[in-house]
Amino acid sequence: MEEKSVFEMILNKEIESEIIYEDDDIFSIQDINPVARIHLLIIPKKRINTINNLSDEDTLLVGKMIQVAKDLAKKYEIDQSGYRLIFNTNDDGGQTVYHIHLHLIGGEKLKAF
């Protein structure tokens, strides 16, 4: 059996973290290493290791993650000034936790790339 991800441990209350949003499918926390004033993680409760492991049945879940990110951007008042959404995939893509999560980054001027 695969080791639990840090996100599964947070969800199971094995690791303390403030959950800032939660519904039946998704939860959100602040990133512990923020790269901007606002840096939230939107995480599915279902463990999917990487974007490469998505199946057709996960399409609605990923779409819902983006909708939650949009709603959180509005809640944190960065919807008008702008924000960035990022999925990191595998080592070269910067993925450090193998349980997909969407980064919502904003609250300041971000460098273009």
PDB file of N, CA and C in Angstrom:
ATOM      1  N   MET A   1       0.839  -1.202   0.000  1.00  0.00           N
ATOM      2  CA  MET A   1       0.000   0.000   0.000  1.00  0.00           C
ATOM      3  C   MET A   1       0.877   1.256   0.000  1.00  0.00           C
ATOM      4  N   GLU A   2       0.436   2.223  -0.755  1.00  0.00           N
ATOM      5  CA  GLU A   2       1.158   3.488  -0.895  1.00  0.00           C
ATOM      6  C   GLU A   2       1.092   4.292   0.404  1.00  0.00           C
ATOM      7  N   GLU A   3       2.202   4.967   0.722  1.00  0.00           N
ATOM      8  CA  GLU A   3       2.218   5.863   1.886  1.00  0.00           C
ATOM      9  C   GLU A   3       1.200   6.966   1.696  1.00  0.00           C
ATOM     10  N   LYS A   4       0.635   7.446   2.793  1.00  0.00           N
ATOM     11  CA  LYS A   4      -0.289   8.582   2.721  1.00  0.00           C
ATOM     12  C   LYS A   4       0.483   9.822   2.295  1.00  0.00           C
ATOM     13  N   SER A   5      -0.186  10.651   1.509  1.00  0.00           N
ATOM     14  CA  SER A   5       0.416  11.936   1.166  1.00  0.00           C
ATOM     15  C   SER A   5       0.243  12.890   2.346  1.00  0.00           C
ATOM     16  N   VAL A   6       1.030  13.932   2.376  1.00  0.00           N
ATOM     17  CA  VAL A   6       0.892  14.940   3.431  1.00  0.00           C
ATOM     18  C   VAL A   6      -0.517  15.521   3.413  1.00  0.00           C
ATOM     19  N   PHE A   7      -1.130  15.632   2.249  1.00  0.00           N
ATOM     20  CA  PHE A   7      -2.484  16.172   2.162  1.00  0.00           C
ATOM     21  C   PHE A   7      -3.504  15.209   2.774  1.00  0.00           C
ATOM     22  N   GLU A   8      -3.310  13.911   2.571  1.00  0.00           N
ATOM     23  CA  GLU A   8      -4.197  12.930   3.206  1.00  0.00           C
ATOM     24  C   GLU A   8      -4.035  12.982   4.721  1.00  0.00           C
ATOM     25  N   MET A   9      -2.807  13.198   5.192  1.00  0.00           N
ATOM     26  CA  MET A   9      -2.576  13.295   6.634  1.00  0.00           C
ATOM     27  C   MET A   9      -3.233  14.559   7.208  1.00  0.00           C
ATOM     28  N   ILE A  10      -3.214  15.659   6.456  1.00  0.00           N
ATOM     29  CA  ILE A  10      -3.895  16.883   6.894  1.00  0.00           C
ATOM     30  C   ILE A  10      -5.397  16.631   6.964  1.00  0.00           C
ATOM     31  N   LEU A  11      -5.937  16.015   5.934  1.00  0.00           N
ATOM     32  CA  LEU A  11      -7.369  15.740   5.880  1.00  0.00           C
ATOM     33  C   LEU A  11      -7.802  14.815   7.018  1.00  0.00           C
ATOM     34  N   ASN A  12      -6.940  13.873   7.377  1.00  0.00           N
ATOM     35  CA  ASN A  12      -7.233  12.927   8.468  1.00  0.00           C
ATOM     36  C   ASN A  12      -6.878  13.485   9.844  1.00  0.00           C
ATOM     37  N   LYS A  13      -6.475  14.761   9.884  1.00  0.00           N
ATOM     38  CA  LYS A  13      -6.110  15.445  11.136  1.00  0.00           C
ATOM     39  C   LYS A  13      -4.878  14.829  11.814  1.00  0.00           C
ATOM     40  N   GLU A  14      -4.030  14.154  11.031  1.00  0.00           N
ATOM     41  CA  GLU A  14      -2.776  13.609  11.552  1.00  0.00           C
ATOM     42  C   GLU A  14      -1.685  14.677  11.559  1.00  0.00           C
ATOM     43  N   ILE A  15      -1.855  15.677  10.709  1.00  0.00           N
ATOM     44  CA  ILE A  15      -0.972  16.845  10.660  1.00  0.00           C
ATOM     45  C   ILE A  15      -1.881  18.057  10.793  1.00  0.00           C
ATOM     46  N   GLU A  16      -1.495  18.991  11.658  1.00  0.00           N
ATOM     47  CA  GLU A  16      -2.320  20.174  11.871  1.00  0.00           C
ATOM     48  C   GLU A  16      -2.106  21.183  10.758  1.00  0.00           C
ATOM     49  N   SER A  17      -3.203  21.658  10.230  1.00  0.00           N
ATOM     50  CA  SER A  17      -3.183  22.702   9.209  1.00  0.00           C
ATOM     51  C   SER A  17      -4.570  23.316   9.169  1.00  0.00           C
ATOM     52  N   GLU A  18      -4.624  24.622   8.944  1.00  0.00           N
ATOM     53  CA  GLU A  18      -5.920  25.291   8.866  1.00  0.00           C
ATOM     54  C   GLU A  18      -6.522  25.060   7.484  1.00  0.00           C
ATOM     55  N   ILE A  19      -7.651  24.388   7.454  1.00  0.00           N
ATOM     56  CA  ILE A  19      -8.365  24.174   6.202  1.00  0.00           C
ATOM     57  C   ILE A  19      -9.251  25.407   5.985  1.00  0.00           C
ATOM     58  N   ILE A  20      -8.976  26.125   4.897  1.00  0.00           N
ATOM     59  CA  ILE A  20      -9.694  27.377   4.655  1.00  0.00           C
ATOM     60  C   ILE A  20     -10.930  27.196   3.781  1.00  0.00           C
ATOM     61  N   TYR A  21     -11.040  26.036   3.135  1.00  0.00           N
ATOM     62  CA  TYR A  21     -12.218  25.708   2.341  1.00  0.00           C
ATOM     63  C   TYR A  21     -12.337  24.188   2.336  1.00  0.00           C
ATOM     64  N   GLU A  22     -13.587  23.707   2.403  1.00  0.00           N
ATOM     65  CA  GLU A  22     -13.793  22.265   2.293  1.00  0.00           C
ATOM     66  C   GLU A  22     -15.204  21.982   1.821  1.00  0.00           C
ATOM     67  N   ASP A  23     -15.325  21.022   0.912  1.00  0.00           N
ATOM     68  CA  ASP A  23     -16.619  20.473   0.514  1.00  0.00           C
ATOM     69  C   ASP A  23     -16.443  18.956   0.406  1.00  0.00           C
ATOM     70  N   ASP A  24     -17.362  18.276  -0.230  1.00  0.00           N
ATOM     71  CA  ASP A  24     -17.291  16.813  -0.294  1.00  0.00           C
ATOM     72  C   ASP A  24     -16.108  16.290  -1.103  1.00  0.00           C
ATOM     73  N   ASP A  25     -15.607  17.105  -2.043  1.00  0.00           N
ATOM     74  CA  ASP A  25     -14.587  16.637  -2.983  1.00  0.00           C
ATOM     75  C   ASP A  25     -13.224  17.296  -2.834  1.00  0.00           C
ATOM     76  N   ILE A  26     -13.199  18.502  -2.284  1.00  0.00           N
ATOM     77  CA  ILE A  26     -12.017  19.356  -2.354  1.00  0.00           C
ATOM     78  C   ILE A  26     -11.805  20.052  -1.018  1.00  0.00           C
ATOM     79  N   PHE A  27     -10.531  20.338  -0.715  1.00  0.00           N
ATOM     80  CA  PHE A  27     -10.240  21.237   0.408  1.00  0.00           C
ATOM     81  C   PHE A  27      -9.095  22.146   0.007  1.00  0.00           C
ATOM     82  N   SER A  28      -8.908  23.202   0.788  1.00  0.00           N
ATOM     83  CA  SER A  28      -7.866  24.171   0.469  1.00  0.00           C
ATOM     84  C   SER A  28      -7.144  24.595   1.739  1.00  0.00           C
ATOM     85  N   ILE A  29      -5.840  24.782   1.595  1.00  0.00           N
ATOM     86  CA  ILE A  29      -4.980  25.247   2.681  1.00  0.00           C
ATOM     87  C   ILE A  29      -4.032  26.295   2.124  1.00  0.00           C
ATOM     88  N   GLN A  30      -3.360  27.010   3.037  1.00  0.00           N
ATOM     89  CA  GLN A  30      -2.317  27.930   2.595  1.00  0.00           C
ATOM     90  C   GLN A  30      -1.036  27.137   2.358  1.00  0.00           C
ATOM     91  N   ASP A  31      -0.275  27.538   1.351  1.00  0.00           N
ATOM     92  CA  ASP A  31       1.005  26.898   1.068  1.00  0.00           C
ATOM     93  C   ASP A  31       1.990  27.243   2.188  1.00  0.00           C
ATOM     94  N   ILE A  32       2.756  26.253   2.647  1.00  0.00           N
ATOM     95  CA  ILE A  32       3.704  26.519   3.744  1.00  0.00           C
ATOM     96  C   ILE A  32       4.947  27.256   3.266  1.00  0.00           C
ATOM     97  N   ASN A  33       5.164  27.296   1.953  1.00  0.00           N
ATOM     98  CA  ASN A  33       6.281  28.046   1.371  1.00  0.00           C
ATOM     99  C   ASN A  33       5.737  28.997   0.311  1.00  0.00           C
ATOM    100  N   PRO A  34       5.019  30.042   0.725  1.00  0.00           N
ATOM    101  CA  PRO A  34       4.365  30.912  -0.261  1.00  0.00           C
ATOM    102  C   PRO A  34       5.363  31.658  -1.138  1.00  0.00           C
ATOM    103  N   VAL A  35       4.988  31.808  -2.407  1.00  0.00           N
ATOM    104  CA  VAL A  35       5.806  32.574  -3.349  1.00  0.00           C
ATOM    105  C   VAL A  35       5.202  33.945  -3.624  1.00  0.00           C
ATOM    106  N   ALA A  36       4.049  34.216  -3.018  1.00  0.00           N
ATOM    107  CA  ALA A  36       3.383  35.517  -3.156  1.00  0.00           C
ATOM    108  C   ALA A  36       2.545  35.742  -1.899  1.00  0.00           C
ATOM    109  N   ARG A  37       2.000  36.947  -1.792  1.00  0.00           N
ATOM    110  CA  ARG A  37       1.206  37.298  -0.612  1.00  0.00           C
ATOM    111  C   ARG A  37       0.050  36.322  -0.405  1.00  0.00           C
ATOM    112  N   ILE A  38      -0.616  35.925  -1.486  1.00  0.00           N
ATOM    113  CA  ILE A  38      -1.659  34.899  -1.446  1.00  0.00           C
ATOM    114  C   ILE A  38      -1.119  33.682  -2.185  1.00  0.00           C
ATOM    115  N   HIS A  39      -1.051  32.544  -1.500  1.00  0.00           N
ATOM    116  CA  HIS A  39      -0.615  31.298  -2.129  1.00  0.00           C
ATOM    117  C   HIS A  39      -1.381  30.159  -1.459  1.00  0.00           C
ATOM    118  N   LEU A  40      -2.445  29.745  -2.135  1.00  0.00           N
ATOM    119  CA  LEU A  40      -3.320  28.703  -1.619  1.00  0.00           C
ATOM    120  C   LEU A  40      -3.181  27.443  -2.453  1.00  0.00           C
ATOM    121  N   LEU A  41      -3.440  26.309  -1.831  1.00  0.00           N
ATOM    122  CA  LEU A  41      -3.463  25.033  -2.528  1.00  0.00           C
ATOM    123  C   LEU A  41      -4.892  24.516  -2.544  1.00  0.00           C
ATOM    124  N   ILE A  42      -5.360  24.130  -3.712  1.00  0.00           N
ATOM    125  CA  ILE A  42      -6.687  23.544  -3.872  1.00  0.00           C
ATOM    126  C   ILE A  42      -6.448  22.067  -4.166  1.00  0.00           C
ATOM    127  N   ILE A  43      -6.962  21.198  -3.284  1.00  0.00           N
ATOM    128  CA  ILE A  43      -6.562  19.788  -3.276  1.00  0.00           C
ATOM    129  C   ILE A  43      -7.792  18.889  -3.338  1.00  0.00           C
ATOM    130  N   PRO A  44      -7.807  17.927  -4.262  1.00  0.00           N
ATOM    131  CA  PRO A  44      -8.923  16.978  -4.254  1.00  0.00           C
ATOM    132  C   PRO A  44      -8.747  15.995  -3.092  1.00  0.00           C
ATOM    133  N   LYS A  45      -9.853  15.589  -2.503  1.00  0.00           N
ATOM    134  CA  LYS A  45      -9.781  14.578  -1.444  1.00  0.00           C
ATOM    135  C   LYS A  45      -9.375  13.226  -2.025  1.00  0.00           C
ATOM    136  N   LYS A  46      -9.742  12.998  -3.277  1.00  0.00           N
ATOM    137  CA  LYS A  46      -9.341  11.770  -3.966  1.00  0.00           C
ATOM    138  C   LYS A  46      -7.857  11.877  -4.298  1.00  0.00           C
ATOM    139  N   ARG A  47      -7.085  10.891  -3.936  1.00  0.00           N
ATOM    140  CA  ARG A  47      -5.645  10.892  -4.235  1.00  0.00           C
ATOM    141  C   ARG A  47      -5.427  10.529  -5.695  1.00  0.00           C
ATOM    142  N   ILE A  48      -4.850  11.470  -6.417  1.00  0.00           N
ATOM    143  CA  ILE A  48      -4.400  11.259  -7.801  1.00  0.00           C
ATOM    144  C   ILE A  48      -2.952  11.714  -7.784  1.00  0.00           C
ATOM    145  N   ASN A  49      -2.012  10.836  -8.083  1.00  0.00           N
ATOM    146  CA  ASN A  49      -0.601  11.155  -7.896  1.00  0.00           C
ATOM    147  C   ASN A  49      -0.116  12.316  -8.750  1.00  0.00           C
ATOM    148  N   THR A  50      -0.386  12.292 -10.031  1.00  0.00           N
ATOM    149  CA  THR A  50       0.064  13.359 -10.928  1.00  0.00           C
ATOM    150  C   THR A  50      -1.030  13.660 -11.946  1.00  0.00           C
ATOM    151  N   ILE A  51      -0.891  14.759 -12.643  1.00  0.00           N
ATOM    152  CA  ILE A  51      -1.826  15.083 -13.721  1.00  0.00           C
ATOM    153  C   ILE A  51      -1.826  13.960 -14.764  1.00  0.00           C
ATOM    154  N   ASN A  52      -0.686  13.296 -14.946  1.00  0.00           N
ATOM    155  CA  ASN A  52      -0.603  12.186 -15.894  1.00  0.00           C
ATOM    156  C   ASN A  52      -1.498  11.015 -15.507  1.00  0.00           C
ATOM    157  N   ASN A  53      -1.902  10.946 -14.247  1.00  0.00           N
ATOM    158  CA  ASN A  53      -2.738   9.852 -13.768  1.00  0.00           C
ATOM    159  C   ASN A  53      -4.233  10.163 -13.825  1.00  0.00           C
ATOM    160  N   LEU A  54      -4.596  11.328 -14.360  1.00  0.00           N
ATOM    161  CA  LEU A  54      -6.012  11.660 -14.476  1.00  0.00           C
ATOM    162  C   LEU A  54      -6.716  10.698 -15.417  1.00  0.00           C
ATOM    163  N   SER A  55      -7.943  10.354 -15.070  1.00  0.00           N
ATOM    164  CA  SER A  55      -8.773   9.546 -15.961  1.00  0.00           C
ATOM    165  C   SER A  55      -9.942  10.408 -16.431  1.00  0.00           C
ATOM    166  N   ASP A  56     -10.684   9.908 -17.388  1.00  0.00           N
ATOM    167  CA  ASP A  56     -11.846  10.644 -17.891  1.00  0.00           C
ATOM    168  C   ASP A  56     -12.810  10.963 -16.749  1.00  0.00           C
ATOM    169  N   GLU A  57     -12.928  10.068 -15.787  1.00  0.00           N
ATOM    170  CA  GLU A  57     -13.868  10.292 -14.679  1.00  0.00           C
ATOM    171  C   GLU A  57     -13.427  11.438 -13.762  1.00  0.00           C
ATOM    172  N   ASP A  58     -12.178  11.892 -13.883  1.00  0.00           N
ATOM    173  CA  ASP A  58     -11.665  12.980 -13.049  1.00  0.00           C
ATOM    174  C   ASP A  58     -11.893  14.365 -13.661  1.00  0.00           C
ATOM    175  N   THR A  59     -12.442  14.420 -14.869  1.00  0.00           N
ATOM    176  CA  THR A  59     -12.607  15.684 -15.574  1.00  0.00           C
ATOM    177  C   THR A  59     -13.422  16.688 -14.772  1.00  0.00           C
ATOM    178  N   LEU A  60     -14.557  16.272 -14.232  1.00  0.00           N
ATOM    179  CA  LEU A  60     -15.400  17.191 -13.459  1.00  0.00           C
ATOM    180  C   LEU A  60     -14.699  17.640 -12.182  1.00  0.00           C
ATOM    181  N   LEU A  61     -13.948  16.743 -11.563  1.00  0.00           N
ATOM    182  CA  LEU A  61     -13.229  17.078 -10.338  1.00  0.00           C
ATOM    183  C   LEU A  61     -12.203  18.183 -10.593  1.00  0.00           C
ATOM    184  N   VAL A  62     -11.433  18.048 -11.661  1.00  0.00           N
ATOM    185  CA  VAL A  62     -10.421  19.060 -11.984  1.00  0.00           C
ATOM    186  C   VAL A  62     -11.097  20.384 -12.352  1.00  0.00           C
ATOM    187  N   GLY A  63     -12.190  20.313 -13.073  1.00  0.00           N
ATOM    188  CA  GLY A  63     -12.945  21.527 -13.376  1.00  0.00           C
ATOM    189  C   GLY A  63     -13.456  22.195 -12.109  1.00  0.00           C
ATOM    190  N   LYS A  64     -13.904  21.382 -11.162  1.00  0.00           N
ATOM    191  CA  LYS A  64     -14.373  21.922  -9.879  1.00  0.00           C
ATOM    192  C   LYS A  64     -13.232  22.570  -9.109  1.00  0.00           C
ATOM    193  N   MET A  65     -12.024  22.003  -9.202  1.00  0.00           N
ATOM    194  CA  MET A  65     -10.864  22.606  -8.540  1.00  0.00           C
ATOM    195  C   MET A  65     -10.642  24.024  -9.064  1.00  0.00           C
ATOM    196  N   ILE A  66     -10.779  24.198 -10.361  1.00  0.00           N
ATOM    197  CA  ILE A  66     -10.585  25.522 -10.957  1.00  0.00           C
ATOM    198  C   ILE A  66     -11.701  26.470 -10.522  1.00  0.00           C
ATOM    199  N   GLN A  67     -12.920  25.983 -10.447  1.00  0.00           N
ATOM    200  CA  GLN A  67     -14.041  26.816  -9.962  1.00  0.00           C
ATOM    201  C   GLN A  67     -13.809  27.244  -8.511  1.00  0.00           C
ATOM    202  N   VAL A  68     -13.320  26.328  -7.670  1.00  0.00           N
ATOM    203  CA  VAL A  68     -13.021  26.665  -6.267  1.00  0.00           C
ATOM    204  C   VAL A  68     -11.915  27.721  -6.223  1.00  0.00           C
ATOM    205  N   ALA A  69     -10.899  27.560  -7.059  1.00  0.00           N
ATOM    206  CA  ALA A  69      -9.815  28.555  -7.111  1.00  0.00           C
ATOM    207  C   ALA A  69     -10.364  29.925  -7.483  1.00  0.00           C
ATOM    208  N   LYS A  70     -11.263  29.971  -8.455  1.00  0.00           N
ATOM    209  CA  LYS A  70     -11.884  31.237  -8.869  1.00  0.00           C
ATOM    210  C   LYS A  70     -12.644  31.862  -7.702  1.00  0.00           C
ATOM    211  N   ASP A  71     -13.395  31.048  -6.986  1.00  0.00           N
ATOM    212  CA  ASP A  71     -14.165  31.555  -5.838  1.00  0.00           C
ATOM    213  C   ASP A  71     -13.249  32.041  -4.717  1.00  0.00           C
ATOM    214  N   LEU A  72     -12.155  31.322  -4.475  1.00  0.00           N
ATOM    215  CA  LEU A  72     -11.201  31.753  -3.448  1.00  0.00           C
ATOM    216  C   LEU A  72     -10.492  33.049  -3.860  1.00  0.00           C
ATOM    217  N   ALA A  73     -10.210  33.191  -5.152  1.00  0.00           N
ATOM    218  CA  ALA A  73      -9.600  34.442  -5.639  1.00  0.00           C
ATOM    219  C   ALA A  73     -10.527  35.619  -5.346  1.00  0.00           C
ATOM    220  N   LYS A  74     -11.812  35.419  -5.534  1.00  0.00           N
ATOM    221  CA  LYS A  74     -12.783  36.478  -5.218  1.00  0.00           C
ATOM    222  C   LYS A  74     -12.818  36.728  -3.709  1.00  0.00           C
ATOM    223  N   LYS A  75     -12.854  35.649  -2.903  1.00  0.00           N
ATOM    224  CA  LYS A  75     -12.896  35.782  -1.443  1.00  0.00           C
ATOM    225  C   LYS A  75     -11.675  36.546  -0.921  1.00  0.00           C
ATOM    226  N   TYR A  76     -10.516  36.271  -1.500  1.00  0.00           N
ATOM    227  CA  TYR A  76      -9.281  36.927  -1.063  1.00  0.00           C
ATOM    228  C   TYR A  76      -9.014  38.230  -1.814  1.00  0.00           C
ATOM    229  N   GLU A  77      -9.997  38.656  -2.605  1.00  0.00           N
ATOM    230  CA  GLU A  77      -9.987  39.939  -3.311  1.00  0.00           C
ATOM    231  C   GLU A  77      -8.796  40.121  -4.254  1.00  0.00           C
ATOM    232  N   ILE A  78      -8.473  39.045  -4.971  1.00  0.00           N
ATOM    233  CA  ILE A  78      -7.427  39.141  -5.990  1.00  0.00           C
ATOM    234  C   ILE A  78      -7.994  38.837  -7.379  1.00  0.00           C
ATOM    235  N   ASP A  79      -9.322  38.663  -7.442  1.00  0.00           N
ATOM    236  CA  ASP A  79      -9.949  38.312  -8.717  1.00  0.00           C
ATOM    237  C   ASP A  79      -9.816  39.431  -9.748  1.00  0.00           C
ATOM    238  N   GLN A  80      -9.842  40.670  -9.321  1.00  0.00           N
ATOM    239  CA  GLN A  80      -9.758  41.786 -10.260  1.00  0.00           C
ATOM    240  C   GLN A  80      -8.316  42.159 -10.595  1.00  0.00           C
ATOM    241  N   SER A  81      -7.425  42.099  -9.604  1.00  0.00           N
ATOM    242  CA  SER A  81      -6.022  42.469  -9.863  1.00  0.00           C
ATOM    243  C   SER A  81      -5.290  41.376 -10.630  1.00  0.00           C
ATOM    244  N   GLY A  82      -5.691  40.131 -10.434  1.00  0.00           N
ATOM    245  CA  GLY A  82      -5.119  39.029 -11.192  1.00  0.00           C
ATOM    246  C   GLY A  82      -4.444  37.990 -10.324  1.00  0.00           C
ATOM    247  N   TYR A  83      -4.337  36.804 -10.862  1.00  0.00           N
ATOM    248  CA  TYR A  83      -3.750  35.678 -10.143  1.00  0.00           C
ATOM    249  C   TYR A  83      -3.291  34.629 -11.143  1.00  0.00           C
ATOM    250  N   ARG A  84      -2.595  33.638 -10.637  1.00  0.00           N
ATOM    251  CA  ARG A  84      -2.076  32.558 -11.466  1.00  0.00           C
ATOM    252  C   ARG A  84      -2.529  31.223 -10.878  1.00  0.00           C
ATOM    253  N   LEU A  85      -2.883  30.286 -11.765  1.00  0.00           N
ATOM    254  CA  LEU A  85      -3.218  28.918 -11.373  1.00  0.00           C
ATOM    255  C   LEU A  85      -2.180  27.987 -11.977  1.00  0.00           C
ATOM    256  N   ILE A  86      -1.612  27.103 -11.136  1.00  0.00           N
ATOM    257  CA  ILE A  86      -0.533  26.220 -11.606  1.00  0.00           C
ATOM    258  C   ILE A  86      -0.716  24.811 -11.060  1.00  0.00           C
ATOM    259  N   PHE A  87      -0.588  23.827 -11.936  1.00  0.00           N
ATOM    260  CA  PHE A  87      -0.420  22.421 -11.563  1.00  0.00           C
ATOM    261  C   PHE A  87       1.033  22.070 -11.871  1.00  0.00           C
ATOM    262  N   ASN A  88       1.785  21.597 -10.914  1.00  0.00           N
ATOM    263  CA  ASN A  88       3.136  21.090 -11.167  1.00  0.00           C
ATOM    264  C   ASN A  88       3.029  19.578 -11.379  1.00  0.00           C
ATOM    265  N   THR A  89       3.797  19.056 -12.345  1.00  0.00           N
ATOM    266  CA  THR A  89       3.739  17.625 -12.636  1.00  0.00           C
ATOM    267  C   THR A  89       5.137  17.032 -12.701  1.00  0.00           C
ATOM    268  N   ASN A  90       5.366  16.055 -11.835  1.00  0.00           N
ATOM    269  CA  ASN A  90       6.626  15.314 -11.733  1.00  0.00           C
ATOM    270  C   ASN A  90       7.810  16.225 -11.371  1.00  0.00           C
ATOM    271  N   ASP A  91       8.975  15.612 -11.234  1.00  0.00           N
ATOM    272  CA  ASP A  91      10.147  16.321 -10.704  1.00  0.00           C
ATOM    273  C   ASP A  91      10.528  17.556 -11.514  1.00  0.00           C
ATOM    274  N   ASP A  92      10.659  17.413 -12.833  1.00  0.00           N
ATOM    275  CA  ASP A  92      11.072  18.552 -13.652  1.00  0.00           C
ATOM    276  C   ASP A  92      10.037  19.669 -13.642  1.00  0.00           C
ATOM    277  N   GLY A  93       8.781  19.330 -13.370  1.00  0.00           N
ATOM    278  CA  GLY A  93       7.722  20.330 -13.289  1.00  0.00           C
ATOM    279  C   GLY A  93       7.600  20.952 -11.910  1.00  0.00           C
ATOM    280  N   GLY A  94       8.429  20.514 -10.964  1.00  0.00           N
ATOM    281  CA  GLY A  94       8.438  21.098  -9.625  1.00  0.00           C
ATOM    282  C   GLY A  94       7.478  20.453  -8.641  1.00  0.00           C
ATOM    283  N   GLN A  95       6.920  19.288  -8.978  1.00  0.00           N
ATOM    284  CA  GLN A  95       5.989  18.629  -8.061  1.00  0.00           C
ATOM    285  C   GLN A  95       6.765  18.010  -6.909  1.00  0.00           C
ATOM    286  N   THR A  96       6.382  18.344  -5.682  1.00  0.00           N
ATOM    287  CA  THR A  96       7.052  17.796  -4.502  1.00  0.00           C
ATOM    288  C   THR A  96       6.149  16.878  -3.690  1.00  0.00           C
ATOM    289  N   VAL A  97       4.827  17.032  -3.842  1.00  0.00           N
ATOM    290  CA  VAL A  97       3.871  16.139  -3.181  1.00  0.00           C
ATOM    291  C   VAL A  97       3.107  15.421  -4.284  1.00  0.00           C
ATOM    292  N   TYR A  98       3.155  14.094  -4.269  1.00  0.00           N
ATOM    293  CA  TYR A  98       2.522  13.308  -5.321  1.00  0.00           C
ATOM    294  C   TYR A  98       1.066  13.004  -4.977  1.00  0.00           C
ATOM    295  N   HIS A  99       0.313  14.081  -4.975  1.00  0.00           N
ATOM    296  CA  HIS A  99      -1.146  14.122  -4.791  1.00  0.00           C
ATOM    297  C   HIS A  99      -1.502  15.453  -5.443  1.00  0.00           C
ATOM    298  N   ILE A 100      -2.147  15.412  -6.604  1.00  0.00           N
ATOM    299  CA  ILE A 100      -2.322  16.651  -7.370  1.00  0.00           C
ATOM    300  C   ILE A 100      -2.907  17.758  -6.512  1.00  0.00           C
ATOM    301  N   HIS A 101      -2.496  18.970  -6.826  1.00  0.00           N
ATOM    302  CA  HIS A 101      -2.982  20.157  -6.144  1.00  0.00           C
ATOM    303  C   HIS A 101      -2.768  21.351  -7.065  1.00  0.00           C
ATOM    304  N   LEU A 102      -3.695  22.274  -6.980  1.00  0.00           N
ATOM    305  CA  LEU A 102      -3.681  23.466  -7.811  1.00  0.00           C
ATOM    306  C   LEU A 102      -3.215  24.643  -6.963  1.00  0.00           C
ATOM    307  N   HIS A 103      -2.180  25.326  -7.423  1.00  0.00           N
ATOM    308  CA  HIS A 103      -1.673  26.516  -6.733  1.00  0.00           C
ATOM    309  C   HIS A 103      -2.456  27.730  -7.212  1.00  0.00           C
ATOM    310  N   LEU A 104      -2.979  28.508  -6.276  1.00  0.00           N
ATOM    311  CA  LEU A 104      -3.602  29.803  -6.550  1.00  0.00           C
ATOM    312  C   LEU A 104      -2.655  30.847  -5.980  1.00  0.00           C
ATOM    313  N   ILE A 105      -2.069  31.662  -6.860  1.00  0.00           N
ATOM    314  CA  ILE A 105      -1.023  32.599  -6.464  1.00  0.00           C
ATOM    315  C   ILE A 105      -1.408  33.999  -6.904  1.00  0.00           C
ATOM    316  N   GLY A 106      -1.305  34.959  -5.985  1.00  0.00           N
ATOM    317  CA  GLY A 106      -1.627  36.340  -6.342  1.00  0.00           C
ATOM    318  C   GLY A 106      -1.430  37.281  -5.168  1.00  0.00           C
ATOM    319  N   GLY A 107      -2.069  38.423  -5.264  1.00  0.00           N
ATOM    320  CA  GLY A 107      -1.962  39.422  -4.215  1.00  0.00           C
ATOM    321  C   GLY A 107      -0.812  40.385  -4.408  1.00  0.00           C
ATOM    322  N   GLU A 108      -0.092  40.232  -5.506  1.00  0.00           N
ATOM    323  CA  GLU A 108       1.010  41.122  -5.847  1.00  0.00           C
ATOM    324  C   GLU A 108       1.312  40.920  -7.340  1.00  0.00           C
ATOM    325  N   LYS A 109       2.101  41.822  -7.896  1.00  0.00           N
ATOM    326  CA  LYS A 109       2.481  41.714  -9.310  1.00  0.00           C
ATOM    327  C   LYS A 109       3.393  40.504  -9.475  1.00  0.00           C
ATOM    328  N   LEU A 110       2.989  39.559 -10.320  1.00  0.00           N
ATOM    329  CA  LEU A 110       3.777  38.346 -10.574  1.00  0.00           C
ATOM    330  C   LEU A 110       4.635  38.546 -11.820  1.00  0.00           C
ATOM    331  N   LYS A 111       5.792  37.939 -11.798  1.00  0.00           N
ATOM    332  CA  LYS A 111       6.672  38.008 -12.971  1.00  0.00           C
ATOM    333  C   LYS A 111       6.066  37.220 -14.110  1.00  0.00           C
ATOM    334  N   ALA A 112       6.131  37.784 -15.308  1.00  0.00           N
ATOM    335  CA  ALA A 112       5.645  37.096 -16.493  1.00  0.00           C
ATOM    336  C   ALA A 112       6.664  36.020 -16.883  1.00  0.00           C
ATOM    337  N   PHE A 113       6.166  34.967 -17.488  1.00  0.00           N
ATOM    338  CA  PHE A 113       7.072  33.936 -18.022  1.00  0.00           C
ATOM    339  C   PHE A 113       6.489  33.326 -19.268  1.00  0.00           C
TER     340      PHE A 113
END
